[in-house]
PDB file of N, CA and C in Angstrom:
ATOM      1  N   LEU A   1     -19.518  42.472 -56.987  1.00  0.00           N
ATOM      2  CA  LEU A   1     -18.838  41.277 -57.438  1.00  0.00           C
ATOM      3  C   LEU A   1     -17.714  41.704 -58.371  1.00  0.00           C
ATOM      4  N   VAL A   2     -16.536  41.194 -58.124  1.00  0.00           N
ATOM      5  CA  VAL A   2     -15.371  41.563 -58.919  1.00  0.00           C
ATOM      6  C   VAL A   2     -14.793  40.309 -59.538  1.00  0.00           C
ATOM      7  N   ASP A   3     -14.584  40.345 -60.853  1.00  0.00           N
ATOM      8  CA  ASP A   3     -13.995  39.213 -61.557  1.00  0.00           C
ATOM      9  C   ASP A   3     -12.480  39.339 -61.513  1.00  0.00           C
ATOM     10  N   ILE A   4     -11.822  38.475 -60.733  1.00  0.00           N
ATOM     11  CA  ILE A   4     -10.359  38.515 -60.659  1.00  0.00           C
ATOM     12  C   ILE A   4      -9.749  37.243 -61.244  1.00  0.00           C
ATOM     13  N   LEU A   5     -10.565  36.459 -61.935  1.00  0.00           N
ATOM     14  CA  LEU A   5     -10.070  35.235 -62.554  1.00  0.00           C
ATOM     15  C   LEU A   5      -9.503  35.534 -63.936  1.00  0.00           C
ATOM     16  N   SER A   6      -8.482  34.834 -64.298  1.00  0.00           N
ATOM     17  CA  SER A   6      -7.868  34.904 -65.622  1.00  0.00           C
ATOM     18  C   SER A   6      -7.603  36.323 -66.110  1.00  0.00           C
ATOM     19  N   PRO A   7      -6.755  37.071 -65.412  1.00  0.00           N
ATOM     20  CA  PRO A   7      -6.404  38.395 -65.919  1.00  0.00           C
ATOM     21  C   PRO A   7      -5.645  38.261 -67.237  1.00  0.00           C
ATOM     22  N   PRO A   8      -5.559  39.330 -68.022  1.00  0.00           N
ATOM     23  CA  PRO A   8      -4.922  39.254 -69.346  1.00  0.00           C
ATOM     24  C   PRO A   8      -3.504  38.703 -69.320  1.00  0.00           C
ATOM     25  N   THR A   9      -2.758  38.969 -68.262  1.00  0.00           N
ATOM     26  CA  THR A   9      -1.373  38.502 -68.205  1.00  0.00           C
ATOM     27  C   THR A   9      -1.275  37.036 -67.795  1.00  0.00           C
ATOM     28  N   GLY A  10      -2.401  36.466 -67.365  1.00  0.00           N
ATOM     29  CA  GLY A  10      -2.383  35.092 -66.893  1.00  0.00           C
ATOM     30  C   GLY A  10      -1.995  34.975 -65.435  1.00  0.00           C
ATOM     31  N   LYS A  11      -1.642  36.097 -64.821  1.00  0.00           N
ATOM     32  CA  LYS A  11      -1.255  36.098 -63.411  1.00  0.00           C
ATOM     33  C   LYS A  11      -2.089  37.127 -62.666  1.00  0.00           C
ATOM     34  N   LEU A  12      -2.354  36.839 -61.414  1.00  0.00           N
ATOM     35  CA  LEU A  12      -3.048  37.796 -60.565  1.00  0.00           C
ATOM     36  C   LEU A  12      -2.002  38.612 -59.820  1.00  0.00           C
ATOM     37  N   SER A  13      -2.022  39.901 -60.041  1.00  0.00           N
ATOM     38  CA  SER A  13      -1.073  40.777 -59.353  1.00  0.00           C
ATOM     39  C   SER A  13      -1.851  41.774 -58.507  1.00  0.00           C
ATOM     40  N   LEU A  14      -1.158  42.443 -57.622  1.00  0.00           N
ATOM     41  CA  LEU A  14      -1.809  43.477 -56.824  1.00  0.00           C
ATOM     42  C   LEU A  14      -2.353  44.586 -57.714  1.00  0.00           C
ATOM     43  N   PHE A  15      -1.637  44.885 -58.795  1.00  0.00           N
ATOM     44  CA  PHE A  15      -2.113  45.920 -59.709  1.00  0.00           C
ATOM     45  C   PHE A  15      -3.411  45.493 -60.381  1.00  0.00           C
ATOM     46  N   ASN A  16      -3.478  44.247 -60.858  1.00  0.00           N
ATOM     47  CA  ASN A  16      -4.704  43.752 -61.488  1.00  0.00           C
ATOM     48  C   ASN A  16      -5.872  43.801 -60.511  1.00  0.00           C
ATOM     49  N   LEU A  17      -5.627  43.417 -59.270  1.00  0.00           N
ATOM     50  CA  LEU A  17      -6.675  43.449 -58.257  1.00  0.00           C
ATOM     51  C   LEU A  17      -7.099  44.885 -57.979  1.00  0.00           C
ATOM     52  N   TYR A  18      -6.139  45.795 -57.896  1.00  0.00           N
ATOM     53  CA  TYR A  18      -6.454  47.208 -57.675  1.00  0.00           C
ATOM     54  C   TYR A  18      -7.336  47.749 -58.796  1.00  0.00           C
ATOM     55  N   VAL A  19      -6.989  47.449 -60.026  1.00  0.00           N
ATOM     56  CA  VAL A  19      -7.776  47.932 -61.161  1.00  0.00           C
ATOM     57  C   VAL A  19      -9.184  47.360 -61.110  1.00  0.00           C
ATOM     58  N   ALA A  20      -9.305  46.073 -60.835  1.00  0.00           N
ATOM     59  CA  ALA A  20     -10.630  45.447 -60.767  1.00  0.00           C
ATOM     60  C   ALA A  20     -11.474  46.084 -59.671  1.00  0.00           C
ATOM     61  N   LEU A  21     -10.882  46.310 -58.510  1.00  0.00           N
ATOM     62  CA  LEU A  21     -11.629  46.902 -57.402  1.00  0.00           C
ATOM     63  C   LEU A  21     -11.941  48.370 -57.645  1.00  0.00           C
ATOM     64  N   SER A  22     -11.038  49.077 -58.303  1.00  0.00           N
ATOM     65  CA  SER A  22     -11.267  50.504 -58.534  1.00  0.00           C
ATOM     66  C   SER A  22     -12.393  50.735 -59.530  1.00  0.00           C
ATOM     67  N   ARG A  23     -12.717  49.740 -60.316  1.00  0.00           N
ATOM     68  CA  ARG A  23     -13.794  49.867 -61.300  1.00  0.00           C
ATOM     69  C   ARG A  23     -15.158  49.543 -60.712  1.00  0.00           C
ATOM     70  N   THR A  24     -15.208  49.062 -59.499  1.00  0.00           N
ATOM     71  CA  THR A  24     -16.493  48.764 -58.877  1.00  0.00           C
ATOM     72  C   THR A  24     -16.978  50.002 -58.139  1.00  0.00           C
ATOM     73  N   HIS A  25     -18.261  50.223 -58.192  1.00  0.00           N
ATOM     74  CA  HIS A  25     -18.841  51.397 -57.550  1.00  0.00           C
ATOM     75  C   HIS A  25     -19.999  50.991 -56.652  1.00  0.00           C
ATOM     76  N   ASP A  26     -19.893  49.857 -56.059  1.00  0.00           N
ATOM     77  CA  ASP A  26     -20.945  49.348 -55.191  1.00  0.00           C
ATOM     78  C   ASP A  26     -20.831  49.999 -53.818  1.00  0.00           C
ATOM     79  N   PRO A  27     -21.890  50.663 -53.349  1.00  0.00           N
ATOM     80  CA  PRO A  27     -21.842  51.286 -52.019  1.00  0.00           C
ATOM     81  C   PRO A  27     -21.547  50.278 -50.909  1.00  0.00           C
ATOM     82  N   MET A  28     -21.959  49.036 -51.099  1.00  0.00           N
ATOM     83  CA  MET A  28     -21.697  48.021 -50.078  1.00  0.00           C
ATOM     84  C   MET A  28     -20.200  47.752 -49.944  1.00  0.00           C
ATOM     85  N   LEU A  29     -19.448  47.975 -51.009  1.00  0.00           N
ATOM     86  CA  LEU A  29     -17.998  47.808 -50.944  1.00  0.00           C
ATOM     87  C   LEU A  29     -17.397  48.837 -49.986  1.00  0.00           C
ATOM     88  N   LEU A  30     -17.911  50.056 -50.011  1.00  0.00           N
ATOM     89  CA  LEU A  30     -17.435  51.090 -49.087  1.00  0.00           C
ATOM     90  C   LEU A  30     -17.802  50.749 -47.649  1.00  0.00           C
ATOM     91  N   VAL A  31     -18.988  50.209 -47.455  1.00  0.00           N
ATOM     92  CA  VAL A  31     -19.417  49.795 -46.115  1.00  0.00           C
ATOM     93  C   VAL A  31     -18.500  48.692 -45.594  1.00  0.00           C
ATOM     94  N   GLU A  32     -18.198  47.723 -46.453  1.00  0.00           N
ATOM     95  CA  GLU A  32     -17.312  46.624 -46.053  1.00  0.00           C
ATOM     96  C   GLU A  32     -15.905  47.142 -45.773  1.00  0.00           C
ATOM     97  N   ASP A  33     -15.438  48.086 -46.565  1.00  0.00           N
ATOM     98  CA  ASP A  33     -14.122  48.670 -46.340  1.00  0.00           C
ATOM     99  C   ASP A  33     -14.068  49.354 -44.974  1.00  0.00           C
ATOM    100  N   ASP A  34     -15.118  50.089 -44.633  1.00  0.00           N
ATOM    101  CA  ASP A  34     -15.186  50.733 -43.315  1.00  0.00           C
ATOM    102  C   ASP A  34     -15.207  49.696 -42.196  1.00  0.00           C
ATOM    103  N   ARG A  35     -15.960  48.616 -42.398  1.00  0.00           N
ATOM    104  CA  ARG A  35     -16.040  47.560 -41.389  1.00  0.00           C
ATOM    105  C   ARG A  35     -14.668  46.934 -41.160  1.00  0.00           C
ATOM    106  N   LEU A  36     -13.964  46.661 -42.248  1.00  0.00           N
ATOM    107  CA  LEU A  36     -12.636  46.058 -42.126  1.00  0.00           C
ATOM    108  C   LEU A  36     -11.645  47.022 -41.472  1.00  0.00           C
ATOM    109  N   GLU A  37     -11.760  48.296 -41.769  1.00  0.00           N
ATOM    110  CA  GLU A  37     -10.886  49.286 -41.140  1.00  0.00           C
ATOM    111  C   GLU A  37     -11.136  49.344 -39.636  1.00  0.00           C
ATOM    112  N   ASP A  38     -12.402  49.314 -39.233  1.00  0.00           N
ATOM    113  CA  ASP A  38     -12.729  49.291 -37.803  1.00  0.00           C
ATOM    114  C   ASP A  38     -12.187  48.032 -37.133  1.00  0.00           C
ATOM    115  N   LEU A  39     -12.329  46.904 -37.792  1.00  0.00           N
ATOM    116  CA  LEU A  39     -11.816  45.646 -37.257  1.00  0.00           C
ATOM    117  C   LEU A  39     -10.299  45.705 -37.111  1.00  0.00           C
ATOM    118  N   ASN A  40      -9.635  46.298 -38.077  1.00  0.00           N
ATOM    119  CA  ASN A  40      -8.186  46.452 -38.008  1.00  0.00           C
ATOM    120  C   ASN A  40      -7.789  47.314 -36.808  1.00  0.00           C
ATOM    121  N   LYS A  41      -8.514  48.399 -36.582  1.00  0.00           N
ATOM    122  CA  LYS A  41      -8.216  49.266 -35.437  1.00  0.00           C
ATOM    123  C   LYS A  41      -8.437  48.533 -34.121  1.00  0.00           C
ATOM    124  N   GLN A  42      -9.508  47.761 -34.033  1.00  0.00           N
ATOM    125  CA  GLN A  42      -9.778  46.982 -32.821  1.00  0.00           C
ATOM    126  C   GLN A  42      -8.662  45.973 -32.569  1.00  0.00           C
ATOM    127  N   THR A  43      -8.220  45.324 -33.627  1.00  0.00           N
ATOM    128  CA  THR A  43      -7.155  44.326 -33.505  1.00  0.00           C
ATOM    129  C   THR A  43      -5.858  44.981 -33.041  1.00  0.00           C
ATOM    130  N   MET A  44      -5.549  46.146 -33.597  1.00  0.00           N
ATOM    131  CA  MET A  44      -4.333  46.856 -33.191  1.00  0.00           C
ATOM    132  C   MET A  44      -4.399  47.257 -31.721  1.00  0.00           C
ATOM    133  N   ARG A  45      -5.560  47.741 -31.270  1.00  0.00           N
ATOM    134  CA  ARG A  45      -5.712  48.097 -29.852  1.00  0.00           C
ATOM    135  C   ARG A  45      -5.541  46.867 -28.960  1.00  0.00           C
ATOM    136  N   TRP A  46      -6.166  45.771 -29.355  1.00  0.00           N
ATOM    137  CA  TRP A  46      -6.071  44.527 -28.590  1.00  0.00           C
ATOM    138  C   TRP A  46      -4.615  44.074 -28.510  1.00  0.00           C
ATOM    139  N   TRP A  47      -3.910  44.131 -29.638  1.00  0.00           N
ATOM    140  CA  TRP A  47      -2.522  43.675 -29.695  1.00  0.00           C
ATOM    141  C   TRP A  47      -1.629  44.520 -28.785  1.00  0.00           C
ATOM    142  N   ARG A  48      -1.846  45.832 -28.778  1.00  0.00           N
ATOM    143  CA  ARG A  48      -1.029  46.723 -27.939  1.00  0.00           C
ATOM    144  C   ARG A  48      -1.262  46.485 -26.451  1.00  0.00           C
ATOM    145  N   GLU A  49      -2.472  46.071 -26.095  1.00  0.00           N
ATOM    146  CA  GLU A  49      -2.811  45.859 -24.690  1.00  0.00           C
ATOM    147  C   GLU A  49      -2.335  44.509 -24.162  1.00  0.00           C
ATOM    148  N   MET A  50      -1.854  43.660 -25.020  1.00  0.00           N
ATOM    149  CA  MET A  50      -1.410  42.334 -24.577  1.00  0.00           C
ATOM    150  C   MET A  50      -0.121  42.421 -23.805  1.00  0.00           C
TER     151      MET A  50
END
């Protein structure tokens, strides 16, 4: 679980999100990252074959 609400600057930026995610060490986050990467590869293959 990552808290991305109300960052110190009052705005959500890619940098703030990166810092929040980089501080998490949940193994399930790595599993989800792998799943999303596989899904991205499948989508790219599907798109090229259209």
